[in-house]
Amino acid sequence: MSLKGKRIYLYRYCNIGMKNMKFLKIVIVFCIIWSCKEENEVEKQIAGIPVEIGIERFDRIFADATPENLTDIKNRYPFLFPEKEADSVWIQKIKDTIQIEINEEVEKKYENFSKEKESLESLLQHVKYYFPEVTVPRVITVTSNVDYQRKVILSDDLLIISLDTYLGEQHHFYQGMQSYLKKNFVRSQIIPDVATMYAKQLVELPRNRTFLANMIYYGKELYLKDLFLPNVLNSIKMSYTEDQYNWAESNEEEIWRYFIDRQLLYSTDADLSPRFLYPGPFSKFYLEEIDKESPDRIGQYIGWKIVASYMKNNNVSLRQLLLADAETIFNTSRYKPVR
């Protein structure tokens, strides 16, 4: 072929390539627009679901309690007063200086709870859209002597939120606690924590003890949280800082390779859960250059990505997802970590 012929060939080839690229861009834009349109339609339907909650500020009621009106308060909230504890215990607590300080600090931080009320109603609209059988709970705010292991309690039709566990990570009540715990003692975590409790009620515990099964269990929870809280940052859904979430995204391929190379997916080693699934200062790869940089619960993050990939690449309903076992989800997910 002559030089001129080569130029004509290259021109035609490049021109075809450019046309294909333009066509591809048009298709991508169309898909994005169509996807956004579908999402907007869903959000319109969700916004139309009637949900109205009342916030019962038991924290304030108890702060104003006296020995004289204690019986009346107990009659109104019997489930908050264990029968085995005598009135003298509660009268002593009413007068306790630490409890009085807790009451004052909570009132300063949560004089107005209207923003959370609005967000809770939106969360429940989303939960009821996907699971209409869920009922609107009675919502009660309390103080709990900073019981961070039970920040939110969801039982039947009752939702209890301990406000003294959401005063801000720098609050002096939390001095001496580890940083990985304190970073979630913030106001912005109240609604995601409530969403977690709803997800936990809907997701069955793993059917076997493999690392994969546990990852998928948490992945299902996070996938539901993503649906329940579409306007909340992924980092907050994971209870990560923005830097921690960015680290997880940037290192997803390396994390996955680590799990595969060490054949961890089908391992039943009980040590894997505290290393990669439970709260802690960091995930434990046992590699100095990685451990101190990594966020905790990195296995939950990978589980979320696998479940999201499964839902993207399979025509299945949300309820089918919840019934599917971990191996089926993984094998049909076509999960490929981000480079």
C-alpha atoms as a PDB file:
ATOM      1  CA  MET A   1       0.000   0.000   0.000  1.00  0.00           C
ATOM      2  CA  SER A   2       1.280   3.447  -0.897  1.00  0.00           C
ATOM      3  CA  LEU A   3       1.892   6.126   1.703  1.00  0.00           C
ATOM      4  CA  LYS A   4      -1.163   7.997   0.416  1.00  0.00           C
ATOM      5  CA  GLY A   5      -3.242   4.806   0.654  1.00  0.00           C
ATOM      6  CA  LYS A   6      -2.070   4.261   4.218  1.00  0.00           C
ATOM      7  CA  ARG A   7      -3.084   7.795   5.116  1.00  0.00           C
ATOM      8  CA  ILE A   8      -6.552   7.291   3.589  1.00  0.00           C
ATOM      9  CA  TYR A   9      -6.891   3.945   5.450  1.00  0.00           C
ATOM     10  CA  LEU A  10      -5.807   5.465   8.749  1.00  0.00           C
ATOM     11  CA  TYR A  11      -8.110   8.428   8.252  1.00  0.00           C
ATOM     12  CA  ARG A  12     -11.072   6.152   7.559  1.00  0.00           C
ATOM     13  CA  TYR A  13     -10.165   3.867  10.480  1.00  0.00           C
ATOM     14  CA  CYS A  14      -9.753   6.755  12.895  1.00  0.00           C
ATOM     15  CA  ASN A  15     -12.913   8.392  11.586  1.00  0.00           C
ATOM     16  CA  ILE A  16     -14.875   5.169  12.219  1.00  0.00           C
ATOM     17  CA  GLY A  17     -13.279   4.935  15.661  1.00  0.00           C
ATOM     18  CA  MET A  18     -14.219   8.519  16.455  1.00  0.00           C
ATOM     19  CA  LYS A  19     -17.777   7.925  15.294  1.00  0.00           C
ATOM     20  CA  ASN A  20     -17.964   4.817  17.507  1.00  0.00           C
ATOM     21  CA  MET A  21     -16.621   6.795  20.433  1.00  0.00           C
ATOM     22  CA  LYS A  22     -19.210   9.518  19.866  1.00  0.00           C
ATOM     23  CA  PHE A  23     -21.931   6.881  19.665  1.00  0.00           C
ATOM     24  CA  LEU A  24     -20.659   5.254  22.871  1.00  0.00           C
ATOM     25  CA  LYS A  25     -20.677   8.598  24.668  1.00  0.00           C
ATOM     26  CA  ILE A  26     -24.246   9.232  23.518  1.00  0.00           C
ATOM     27  CA  VAL A  27     -25.291   5.793  24.799  1.00  0.00           C
ATOM     28  CA  ILE A  28     -23.604   6.420  28.172  1.00  0.00           C
ATOM     29  CA  VAL A  29     -25.251   9.823  28.546  1.00  0.00           C
ATOM     30  CA  PHE A  30     -28.625   8.331  27.591  1.00  0.00           C
ATOM     31  CA  CYS A  31     -28.213   5.555  30.156  1.00  0.00           C
ATOM     32  CA  ILE A  32     -27.294   8.051  32.877  1.00  0.00           C
ATOM     33  CA  ILE A  33     -30.294  10.243  32.048  1.00  0.00           C
ATOM     34  CA  TRP A  34     -32.613   7.220  31.968  1.00  0.00           C
ATOM     35  CA  SER A  35     -31.217   5.910  35.256  1.00  0.00           C
ATOM     36  CA  CYS A  36     -31.646   9.311  36.922  1.00  0.00           C
ATOM     37  CA  LYS A  37     -35.199   9.519  35.585  1.00  0.00           C
ATOM     38  CA  GLU A  38     -36.011   6.100  37.076  1.00  0.00           C
ATOM     39  CA  GLU A  39     -34.442   7.083  40.400  1.00  0.00           C
ATOM     40  CA  ASN A  40     -36.437  10.306  40.467  1.00  0.00           C
ATOM     41  CA  GLU A  41     -39.647   8.377  39.838  1.00  0.00           C
ATOM     42  CA  VAL A  42     -38.843   6.017  42.699  1.00  0.00           C
ATOM     43  CA  GLU A  43     -38.075   8.933  45.019  1.00  0.00           C
ATOM     44  CA  LYS A  44     -41.393  10.562  44.076  1.00  0.00           C
ATOM     45  CA  GLN A  45     -43.240   7.365  45.017  1.00  0.00           C
ATOM     46  CA  ILE A  46     -41.289   7.123  48.264  1.00  0.00           C
ATOM     47  CA  ALA A  47     -42.054  10.735  49.159  1.00  0.00           C
ATOM     48  CA  GLY A  48     -45.756   9.944  48.814  1.00  0.00           C
ATOM     49  CA  ILE A  49     -45.718   7.202  51.466  1.00  0.00           C
ATOM     50  CA  PRO A  50     -47.489   8.550  54.563  1.00  0.00           C
ATOM     51  CA  VAL A  51     -45.138   8.416  57.555  1.00  0.00           C
ATOM     52  CA  GLU A  52     -45.411  10.634  60.596  1.00  0.00           C
ATOM     53  CA  ILE A  53     -43.562  10.005  63.824  1.00  0.00           C
ATOM     54  CA  GLY A  54     -43.648  11.632  67.210  1.00  0.00           C
ATOM     55  CA  ILE A  55     -40.428  11.999  69.199  1.00  0.00           C
ATOM     56  CA  GLU A  56     -40.899  11.275  72.899  1.00  0.00           C
ATOM     57  CA  ARG A  57     -38.098  13.041  74.751  1.00  0.00           C
ATOM     58  CA  PHE A  58     -37.797  10.723  77.728  1.00  0.00           C
ATOM     59  CA  ASP A  59     -34.349  12.214  78.342  1.00  0.00           C
ATOM     60  CA  ARG A  60     -36.099  15.488  79.210  1.00  0.00           C
ATOM     61  CA  ILE A  61     -38.855  13.791  81.172  1.00  0.00           C
ATOM     62  CA  PHE A  62     -36.330  11.997  83.373  1.00  0.00           C
ATOM     63  CA  ALA A  63     -34.240  15.173  83.724  1.00  0.00           C
ATOM     64  CA  ASP A  64     -37.334  16.859  85.215  1.00  0.00           C
ATOM     65  CA  ALA A  65     -38.306  13.850  87.339  1.00  0.00           C
ATOM     66  CA  THR A  66     -38.834  14.121  91.081  1.00  0.00           C
ATOM     67  CA  PRO A  67     -39.471  11.496  93.761  1.00  0.00           C
ATOM     68  CA  GLU A  68     -43.099  12.669  93.730  1.00  0.00           C
ATOM     69  CA  ASN A  69     -43.795  12.115  89.999  1.00  0.00           C
ATOM     70  CA  LEU A  70     -41.583   9.027  89.544  1.00  0.00           C
ATOM     71  CA  THR A  71     -44.499   6.598  89.832  1.00  0.00           C
ATOM     72  CA  ASP A  72     -46.395   8.408  87.070  1.00  0.00           C
ATOM     73  CA  ILE A  73     -43.318   8.290  84.787  1.00  0.00           C
ATOM     74  CA  LYS A  74     -42.865   4.572  85.470  1.00  0.00           C
ATOM     75  CA  ASN A  75     -46.496   3.928  84.574  1.00  0.00           C
ATOM     76  CA  ARG A  76     -46.040   5.756  81.260  1.00  0.00           C
ATOM     77  CA  TYR A  77     -42.736   4.026  80.398  1.00  0.00           C
ATOM     78  CA  PRO A  78     -42.731   0.673  82.221  1.00  0.00           C
ATOM     79  CA  PHE A  79     -40.360  -0.915  79.681  1.00  0.00           C
ATOM     80  CA  LEU A  80     -37.613   1.537  80.719  1.00  0.00           C
ATOM     81  CA  PHE A  81     -37.769   0.542  84.402  1.00  0.00           C
ATOM     82  CA  PRO A  82     -36.761  -3.072  85.170  1.00  0.00           C
ATOM     83  CA  GLU A  83     -39.069  -4.548  87.819  1.00  0.00           C
ATOM     84  CA  LYS A  84     -36.176  -5.835  89.915  1.00  0.00           C
ATOM     85  CA  GLU A  85     -34.934  -2.296  90.620  1.00  0.00           C
ATOM     86  CA  ALA A  86     -36.529  -0.459  93.523  1.00  0.00           C
ATOM     87  CA  ASP A  87     -37.698   3.151  93.341  1.00  0.00           C
ATOM     88  CA  SER A  88     -34.793   4.116  95.598  1.00  0.00           C
ATOM     89  CA  VAL A  89     -32.374   3.288  92.752  1.00  0.00           C
ATOM     90  CA  TRP A  90     -34.134   5.727  90.417  1.00  0.00           C
ATOM     91  CA  ILE A  91     -34.503   8.433  93.054  1.00  0.00           C
ATOM     92  CA  GLN A  92     -30.768   8.206  93.682  1.00  0.00           C
ATOM     93  CA  LYS A  93     -30.148   8.453  89.931  1.00  0.00           C
ATOM     94  CA  ILE A  94     -32.390  11.542  89.661  1.00  0.00           C
ATOM     95  CA  LYS A  95     -30.181  13.277  92.236  1.00  0.00           C
ATOM     96  CA  ASP A  96     -26.865  11.916  90.921  1.00  0.00           C
ATOM     97  CA  THR A  97     -24.509  14.725  89.850  1.00  0.00           C
ATOM     98  CA  ILE A  98     -23.164  12.753  86.872  1.00  0.00           C
ATOM     99  CA  GLN A  99     -26.697  12.079  85.622  1.00  0.00           C
ATOM    100  CA  ILE A 100     -27.557  15.761  86.042  1.00  0.00           C
ATOM    101  CA  GLU A 101     -24.502  16.708  83.979  1.00  0.00           C
ATOM    102  CA  ILE A 102     -25.489  14.185  81.283  1.00  0.00           C
ATOM    103  CA  ASN A 103     -28.976  15.719  81.187  1.00  0.00           C
ATOM    104  CA  GLU A 104     -27.528  19.209  80.784  1.00  0.00           C
ATOM    105  CA  GLU A 105     -25.083  18.229  78.038  1.00  0.00           C
ATOM    106  CA  VAL A 106     -27.760  16.383  76.055  1.00  0.00           C
ATOM    107  CA  GLU A 107     -30.124  19.328  76.327  1.00  0.00           C
ATOM    108  CA  LYS A 108     -27.427  21.708  75.082  1.00  0.00           C
ATOM    109  CA  LYS A 109     -26.711  19.512  72.061  1.00  0.00           C
ATOM    110  CA  TYR A 110     -30.280  18.464  71.296  1.00  0.00           C
ATOM    111  CA  GLU A 111     -32.445  21.399  72.231  1.00  0.00           C
ATOM    112  CA  ASN A 112     -33.952  20.960  68.757  1.00  0.00           C
ATOM    113  CA  PHE A 113     -34.486  17.477  67.318  1.00  0.00           C
ATOM    114  CA  SER A 114     -36.614  18.504  64.316  1.00  0.00           C
ATOM    115  CA  LYS A 115     -33.907  17.762  61.737  1.00  0.00           C
ATOM    116  CA  GLU A 116     -33.541  14.199  62.996  1.00  0.00           C
ATOM    117  CA  LYS A 117     -37.324  13.793  63.059  1.00  0.00           C
ATOM    118  CA  GLU A 118     -37.502  14.765  59.387  1.00  0.00           C
ATOM    119  CA  SER A 119     -34.637  12.431  58.495  1.00  0.00           C
ATOM    120  CA  LEU A 120     -36.206   9.559  60.443  1.00  0.00           C
ATOM    121  CA  GLU A 121     -39.473  10.015  58.569  1.00  0.00           C
ATOM    122  CA  SER A 122     -37.611   9.955  55.251  1.00  0.00           C
ATOM    123  CA  LEU A 123     -35.710   6.828  56.326  1.00  0.00           C
ATOM    124  CA  LEU A 124     -38.948   5.071  57.283  1.00  0.00           C
ATOM    125  CA  GLN A 125     -40.562   6.042  53.973  1.00  0.00           C
ATOM    126  CA  HIS A 126     -37.676   4.322  52.190  1.00  0.00           C
ATOM    127  CA  VAL A 127     -37.858   1.261  54.453  1.00  0.00           C
ATOM    128  CA  LYS A 128     -41.618   0.956  53.890  1.00  0.00           C
ATOM    129  CA  TYR A 129     -41.249   1.382  50.116  1.00  0.00           C
ATOM    130  CA  TYR A 130     -39.057  -1.716  49.941  1.00  0.00           C
ATOM    131  CA  PHE A 131     -40.684  -3.555  52.867  1.00  0.00           C
ATOM    132  CA  PRO A 132     -44.316  -2.378  53.233  1.00  0.00           C
ATOM    133  CA  GLU A 133     -44.903  -4.719  56.179  1.00  0.00           C
ATOM    134  CA  VAL A 134     -42.581  -2.663  58.396  1.00  0.00           C
ATOM    135  CA  THR A 135     -44.562  -0.565  60.862  1.00  0.00           C
ATOM    136  CA  VAL A 136     -43.802   2.972  62.039  1.00  0.00           C
ATOM    137  CA  PRO A 137     -42.289   2.696  65.524  1.00  0.00           C
ATOM    138  CA  ARG A 138     -42.750   4.666  68.688  1.00  0.00           C
ATOM    139  CA  VAL A 139     -39.574   6.768  68.904  1.00  0.00           C
ATOM    140  CA  ILE A 140     -38.102   7.578  72.319  1.00  0.00           C
ATOM    141  CA  THR A 141     -34.878   9.425  73.116  1.00  0.00           C
ATOM    142  CA  VAL A 142     -33.069   8.548  76.339  1.00  0.00           C
ATOM    143  CA  THR A 143     -29.750   8.798  78.136  1.00  0.00           C
ATOM    144  CA  SER A 144     -27.908   5.598  78.968  1.00  0.00           C
ATOM    145  CA  ASN A 145     -24.721   6.462  80.878  1.00  0.00           C
ATOM    146  CA  VAL A 146     -22.934   6.467  77.496  1.00  0.00           C
ATOM    147  CA  ASP A 147     -23.714   2.808  76.755  1.00  0.00           C
ATOM    148  CA  TYR A 148     -22.094   2.882  73.300  1.00  0.00           C
ATOM    149  CA  GLN A 149     -22.828  -0.796  72.674  1.00  0.00           C
ATOM    150  CA  ARG A 150     -26.554  -0.006  72.634  1.00  0.00           C
ATOM    151  CA  LYS A 151     -26.709   3.404  71.008  1.00  0.00           C
ATOM    152  CA  VAL A 152     -29.888   2.458  69.135  1.00  0.00           C
ATOM    153  CA  ILE A 153     -32.384  -0.230  70.137  1.00  0.00           C
ATOM    154  CA  LEU A 154     -35.068  -1.412  67.718  1.00  0.00           C
ATOM    155  CA  SER A 155     -37.516  -3.904  69.137  1.00  0.00           C
ATOM    156  CA  ASP A 156     -40.909  -4.656  67.636  1.00  0.00           C
ATOM    157  CA  ASP A 157     -42.570  -1.240  67.277  1.00  0.00           C
ATOM    158  CA  LEU A 158     -40.195   0.602  69.583  1.00  0.00           C
ATOM    159  CA  LEU A 159     -37.147   2.668  68.583  1.00  0.00           C
ATOM    160  CA  ILE A 160     -34.931   3.957  71.399  1.00  0.00           C
ATOM    161  CA  ILE A 161     -32.046   6.366  70.734  1.00  0.00           C
ATOM    162  CA  SER A 162     -29.446   7.155  73.410  1.00  0.00           C
ATOM    163  CA  LEU A 163     -28.556  10.787  72.832  1.00  0.00           C
ATOM    164  CA  ASP A 164     -25.624  10.800  75.243  1.00  0.00           C
ATOM    165  CA  THR A 165     -23.757   8.579  72.783  1.00  0.00           C
ATOM    166  CA  TYR A 166     -23.969  11.248  70.067  1.00  0.00           C
ATOM    167  CA  LEU A 167     -22.471  14.359  71.685  1.00  0.00           C
ATOM    168  CA  GLY A 168     -19.442  14.677  69.362  1.00  0.00           C
ATOM    169  CA  GLU A 169     -16.185  12.755  69.346  1.00  0.00           C
ATOM    170  CA  GLN A 170     -14.319  15.436  71.311  1.00  0.00           C
ATOM    171  CA  HIS A 171     -16.818  15.536  74.166  1.00  0.00           C
ATOM    172  CA  HIS A 172     -15.232  15.107  77.583  1.00  0.00           C
ATOM    173  CA  PHE A 173     -17.608  12.235  78.433  1.00  0.00           C
ATOM    174  CA  TYR A 174     -15.654  10.112  75.968  1.00  0.00           C
ATOM    175  CA  GLN A 175     -12.163  10.765  77.311  1.00  0.00           C
ATOM    176  CA  GLY A 176     -10.166   7.575  77.522  1.00  0.00           C
ATOM    177  CA  MET A 177     -12.201   5.798  74.836  1.00  0.00           C
ATOM    178  CA  GLN A 178     -10.459   4.633  71.690  1.00  0.00           C
ATOM    179  CA  SER A 179     -10.572   6.916  68.661  1.00  0.00           C
ATOM    180  CA  TYR A 180     -12.227   4.327  66.404  1.00  0.00           C
ATOM    181  CA  LEU A 181     -15.199   4.318  68.783  1.00  0.00           C
ATOM    182  CA  LYS A 182     -15.392   8.064  69.416  1.00  0.00           C
ATOM    183  CA  LYS A 183     -15.430   9.046  65.735  1.00  0.00           C
ATOM    184  CA  ASN A 184     -18.946   7.602  65.499  1.00  0.00           C
ATOM    185  CA  PHE A 185     -20.296   9.394  68.583  1.00  0.00           C
ATOM    186  CA  VAL A 186     -21.469  12.224  66.352  1.00  0.00           C
ATOM    187  CA  ARG A 187     -24.881  13.583  65.462  1.00  0.00           C
ATOM    188  CA  SER A 188     -24.586  12.629  61.792  1.00  0.00           C
ATOM    189  CA  GLN A 189     -24.426   8.939  62.746  1.00  0.00           C
ATOM    190  CA  ILE A 190     -27.850   8.769  64.404  1.00  0.00           C
ATOM    191  CA  ILE A 191     -29.848   8.087  61.229  1.00  0.00           C
ATOM    192  CA  PRO A 192     -27.301   5.649  59.699  1.00  0.00           C
ATOM    193  CA  ASP A 193     -27.268   3.739  63.001  1.00  0.00           C
ATOM    194  CA  VAL A 194     -31.061   3.494  62.913  1.00  0.00           C
ATOM    195  CA  ALA A 195     -30.859   2.297  59.284  1.00  0.00           C
ATOM    196  CA  THR A 196     -28.370  -0.372  60.392  1.00  0.00           C
ATOM    197  CA  MET A 197     -30.841  -1.695  62.948  1.00  0.00           C
ATOM    198  CA  TYR A 198     -33.571  -1.979  60.312  1.00  0.00           C
ATOM    199  CA  ALA A 199     -31.171  -3.766  57.966  1.00  0.00           C
ATOM    200  CA  LYS A 200     -30.192  -6.184  60.748  1.00  0.00           C
ATOM    201  CA  GLN A 201     -33.844  -7.068  61.278  1.00  0.00           C
ATOM    202  CA  LEU A 202     -34.248  -7.888  57.586  1.00  0.00           C
ATOM    203  CA  VAL A 203     -31.019  -9.801  56.875  1.00  0.00           C
ATOM    204  CA  GLU A 204     -30.714 -13.381  58.103  1.00  0.00           C
ATOM    205  CA  LEU A 205     -27.565 -14.423  59.912  1.00  0.00           C
ATOM    206  CA  PRO A 206     -25.022 -16.352  57.794  1.00  0.00           C
ATOM    207  CA  ARG A 207     -25.874 -19.979  57.092  1.00  0.00           C
ATOM    208  CA  ASN A 208     -22.309 -21.136  57.480  1.00  0.00           C
ATOM    209  CA  ARG A 209     -19.129 -19.929  59.148  1.00  0.00           C
ATOM    210  CA  THR A 210     -17.008 -19.091  56.109  1.00  0.00           C
ATOM    211  CA  PHE A 211     -15.377 -15.702  55.740  1.00  0.00           C
ATOM    212  CA  LEU A 212     -17.289 -15.233  52.472  1.00  0.00           C
ATOM    213  CA  ALA A 213     -20.644 -15.924  54.152  1.00  0.00           C
ATOM    214  CA  ASN A 214     -19.909 -13.317  56.815  1.00  0.00           C
ATOM    215  CA  MET A 215     -18.744 -10.768  54.241  1.00  0.00           C
ATOM    216  CA  ILE A 216     -21.937 -11.254  52.222  1.00  0.00           C
ATOM    217  CA  TYR A 217     -24.042 -10.928  55.384  1.00  0.00           C
ATOM    218  CA  TYR A 218     -22.609  -7.474  56.072  1.00  0.00           C
ATOM    219  CA  GLY A 219     -22.724  -6.704  52.355  1.00  0.00           C
ATOM    220  CA  LYS A 220     -26.497  -7.283  52.360  1.00  0.00           C
ATOM    221  CA  GLU A 221     -26.867  -4.966  55.359  1.00  0.00           C
ATOM    222  CA  LEU A 222     -24.897  -2.212  53.641  1.00  0.00           C
ATOM    223  CA  TYR A 223     -26.768  -2.685  50.383  1.00  0.00           C
ATOM    224  CA  LEU A 224     -30.047  -2.124  52.253  1.00  0.00           C
ATOM    225  CA  LYS A 225     -28.600   0.931  54.000  1.00  0.00           C
ATOM    226  CA  ASP A 226     -27.674   2.267  50.569  1.00  0.00           C
ATOM    227  CA  LEU A 227     -31.313   1.958  49.476  1.00  0.00           C
ATOM    228  CA  PHE A 228     -32.656   3.385  52.725  1.00  0.00           C
ATOM    229  CA  LEU A 229     -30.279   6.369  52.717  1.00  0.00           C
ATOM    230  CA  PRO A 230     -29.716   7.339  49.060  1.00  0.00           C
ATOM    231  CA  ASN A 231     -28.617  10.878  49.911  1.00  0.00           C
ATOM    232  CA  VAL A 232     -26.117   9.948  52.611  1.00  0.00           C
ATOM    233  CA  LEU A 233     -22.418   9.654  51.786  1.00  0.00           C
ATOM    234  CA  ASN A 234     -21.078   6.116  51.441  1.00  0.00           C
ATOM    235  CA  SER A 235     -18.393   6.925  53.988  1.00  0.00           C
ATOM    236  CA  ILE A 236     -21.046   7.728  56.600  1.00  0.00           C
ATOM    237  CA  LYS A 237     -23.006   4.566  55.751  1.00  0.00           C
ATOM    238  CA  MET A 238     -19.826   2.622  56.490  1.00  0.00           C
ATOM    239  CA  SER A 239     -19.134   4.721  59.622  1.00  0.00           C
ATOM    240  CA  TYR A 240     -15.865   5.719  57.966  1.00  0.00           C
ATOM    241  CA  THR A 241     -14.201   9.078  57.678  1.00  0.00           C
ATOM    242  CA  GLU A 242     -13.912  10.355  54.116  1.00  0.00           C
ATOM    243  CA  ASP A 243     -10.186   9.463  54.106  1.00  0.00           C
ATOM    244  CA  GLN A 244     -10.918   5.936  55.273  1.00  0.00           C
ATOM    245  CA  TYR A 245     -13.497   5.391  52.553  1.00  0.00           C
ATOM    246  CA  ASN A 246     -11.155   6.807  49.922  1.00  0.00           C
ATOM    247  CA  TRP A 247      -8.450   4.398  51.119  1.00  0.00           C
ATOM    248  CA  ALA A 248     -10.838   1.456  50.746  1.00  0.00           C
ATOM    249  CA  GLU A 249     -11.765   2.519  47.211  1.00  0.00           C
ATOM    250  CA  SER A 250      -8.151   3.115  46.177  1.00  0.00           C
ATOM    251  CA  ASN A 251      -6.972  -0.236  47.524  1.00  0.00           C
ATOM    252  CA  GLU A 252      -9.941  -2.441  46.629  1.00  0.00           C
ATOM    253  CA  GLU A 253      -8.005  -4.525  44.093  1.00  0.00           C
ATOM    254  CA  GLU A 254      -5.083  -5.105  46.500  1.00  0.00           C
ATOM    255  CA  ILE A 255      -7.454  -6.053  49.329  1.00  0.00           C
ATOM    256  CA  TRP A 256      -9.238  -8.551  47.098  1.00  0.00           C
ATOM    257  CA  ARG A 257      -5.957 -10.012  45.881  1.00  0.00           C
ATOM    258  CA  TYR A 258      -4.850 -10.445  49.497  1.00  0.00           C
ATOM    259  CA  PHE A 259      -8.038 -12.412  50.297  1.00  0.00           C
ATOM    260  CA  ILE A 260      -7.673 -14.579  47.187  1.00  0.00           C
ATOM    261  CA  ASP A 261      -3.927 -15.228  47.457  1.00  0.00           C
ATOM    262  CA  ARG A 262      -4.314 -16.404  51.036  1.00  0.00           C
ATOM    263  CA  GLN A 263      -7.415 -18.479  50.214  1.00  0.00           C
ATOM    264  CA  LEU A 264      -9.508 -16.750  52.867  1.00  0.00           C
ATOM    265  CA  LEU A 265     -12.936 -16.817  51.201  1.00  0.00           C
ATOM    266  CA  TYR A 266     -13.918 -20.312  52.293  1.00  0.00           C
ATOM    267  CA  SER A 267     -11.892 -20.341  55.469  1.00  0.00           C
ATOM    268  CA  THR A 268     -13.757 -20.861  58.748  1.00  0.00           C
ATOM    269  CA  ASP A 269     -10.953 -19.390  60.847  1.00  0.00           C
ATOM    270  CA  ALA A 270     -12.725 -17.513  63.658  1.00  0.00           C
ATOM    271  CA  ASP A 271      -9.898 -14.991  63.772  1.00  0.00           C
ATOM    272  CA  LEU A 272     -10.899 -13.522  60.386  1.00  0.00           C
ATOM    273  CA  SER A 273     -13.988 -11.736  61.752  1.00  0.00           C
ATOM    274  CA  PRO A 274     -12.156  -9.604  64.343  1.00  0.00           C
ATOM    275  CA  ARG A 275      -9.422  -8.960  61.776  1.00  0.00           C
ATOM    276  CA  PHE A 276     -11.629  -7.784  58.894  1.00  0.00           C
ATOM    277  CA  LEU A 277     -15.294  -7.544  59.943  1.00  0.00           C
ATOM    278  CA  TYR A 278     -15.540  -6.172  63.471  1.00  0.00           C
ATOM    279  CA  PRO A 279     -14.892  -2.632  64.727  1.00  0.00           C
ATOM    280  CA  GLY A 280     -11.318  -1.856  65.648  1.00  0.00           C
ATOM    281  CA  PRO A 281      -8.547   0.674  65.105  1.00  0.00           C
ATOM    282  CA  PHE A 282      -7.731  -0.862  61.707  1.00  0.00           C
ATOM    283  CA  SER A 283      -8.017  -4.066  59.652  1.00  0.00           C
ATOM    284  CA  LYS A 284      -5.319  -6.587  60.423  1.00  0.00           C
ATOM    285  CA  PHE A 285      -3.470  -7.706  57.301  1.00  0.00           C
ATOM    286  CA  TYR A 286      -0.360  -8.273  59.422  1.00  0.00           C
ATOM    287  CA  LEU A 287       1.550  -6.060  57.015  1.00  0.00           C
ATOM    288  CA  GLU A 288       3.113  -3.012  58.651  1.00  0.00           C
ATOM    289  CA  GLU A 289       2.811  -0.771  55.599  1.00  0.00           C
ATOM    290  CA  ILE A 290      -0.935  -1.468  55.297  1.00  0.00           C
ATOM    291  CA  ASP A 291      -2.351  -2.090  58.764  1.00  0.00           C
ATOM    292  CA  LYS A 292      -2.004   1.398  60.224  1.00  0.00           C
ATOM    293  CA  GLU A 293      -3.415   3.018  57.081  1.00  0.00           C
ATOM    294  CA  SER A 294      -6.372   0.693  56.610  1.00  0.00           C
ATOM    295  CA  PRO A 295      -9.806   1.306  58.157  1.00  0.00           C
ATOM    296  CA  ASP A 296     -11.460  -1.400  60.217  1.00  0.00           C
ATOM    297  CA  ARG A 297     -14.190  -3.695  58.832  1.00  0.00           C
ATOM    298  CA  ILE A 298     -12.663  -3.765  55.359  1.00  0.00           C
ATOM    299  CA  GLY A 299     -14.322  -7.158  54.757  1.00  0.00           C
ATOM    300  CA  GLN A 300     -17.724  -5.482  55.134  1.00  0.00           C
ATOM    301  CA  TYR A 301     -16.756  -3.023  52.408  1.00  0.00           C
ATOM    302  CA  ILE A 302     -15.792  -5.875  50.040  1.00  0.00           C
ATOM    303  CA  GLY A 303     -19.021  -7.719  50.904  1.00  0.00           C
ATOM    304  CA  TRP A 304     -21.006  -4.605  49.972  1.00  0.00           C
ATOM    305  CA  LYS A 305     -19.237  -4.404  46.611  1.00  0.00           C
ATOM    306  CA  ILE A 306     -19.919  -8.093  45.858  1.00  0.00           C
ATOM    307  CA  VAL A 307     -23.626  -7.745  46.712  1.00  0.00           C
ATOM    308  CA  ALA A 308     -23.939  -4.551  44.649  1.00  0.00           C
ATOM    309  CA  SER A 309     -22.313  -6.323  41.700  1.00  0.00           C
ATOM    310  CA  TYR A 310     -24.701  -9.274  42.114  1.00  0.00           C
ATOM    311  CA  MET A 311     -27.727  -6.979  42.004  1.00  0.00           C
ATOM    312  CA  LYS A 312     -26.368  -5.076  39.022  1.00  0.00           C
ATOM    313  CA  ASN A 313     -25.633  -8.186  36.954  1.00  0.00           C
ATOM    314  CA  ASN A 314     -28.664 -10.326  37.799  1.00  0.00           C
ATOM    315  CA  ASN A 315     -32.368  -9.742  37.297  1.00  0.00           C
ATOM    316  CA  VAL A 316     -33.396 -10.520  40.874  1.00  0.00           C
ATOM    317  CA  SER A 317     -35.636  -8.801  43.412  1.00  0.00           C
ATOM    318  CA  LEU A 318     -34.551  -7.444  46.746  1.00  0.00           C
ATOM    319  CA  ARG A 319     -36.287 -10.286  48.543  1.00  0.00           C
ATOM    320  CA  GLN A 320     -34.498 -12.814  46.328  1.00  0.00           C
ATOM    321  CA  LEU A 321     -31.232 -11.197  47.357  1.00  0.00           C
ATOM    322  CA  LEU A 322     -32.080 -11.632  51.029  1.00  0.00           C
ATOM    323  CA  LEU A 323     -32.892 -15.313  50.479  1.00  0.00           C
ATOM    324  CA  ALA A 324     -29.840 -16.084  48.323  1.00  0.00           C
ATOM    325  CA  ASP A 325     -26.884 -17.827  49.952  1.00  0.00           C
ATOM    326  CA  ALA A 326     -23.418 -16.328  49.922  1.00  0.00           C
ATOM    327  CA  GLU A 327     -21.923 -18.756  47.422  1.00  0.00           C
ATOM    328  CA  THR A 328     -24.693 -18.159  44.860  1.00  0.00           C
ATOM    329  CA  ILE A 329     -24.330 -14.409  45.241  1.00  0.00           C
ATOM    330  CA  PHE A 330     -20.566 -14.541  44.849  1.00  0.00           C
ATOM    331  CA  ASN A 331     -20.527 -16.990  41.923  1.00  0.00           C
ATOM    332  CA  THR A 332     -23.062 -14.997  39.896  1.00  0.00           C
ATOM    333  CA  SER A 333     -21.988 -11.509  40.947  1.00  0.00           C
ATOM    334  CA  ARG A 334     -19.242 -11.114  38.332  1.00  0.00           C
ATOM    335  CA  TYR A 335     -17.528  -9.015  40.951  1.00  0.00           C
ATOM    336  CA  LYS A 336     -14.385  -7.371  39.687  1.00  0.00           C
ATOM    337  CA  PRO A 337     -12.566  -5.016  42.048  1.00  0.00           C
ATOM    338  CA  VAL A 338     -11.956  -1.471  40.972  1.00  0.00           C
ATOM    339  CA  ARG A 339      -8.428  -0.804  39.752  1.00  0.00           C
END
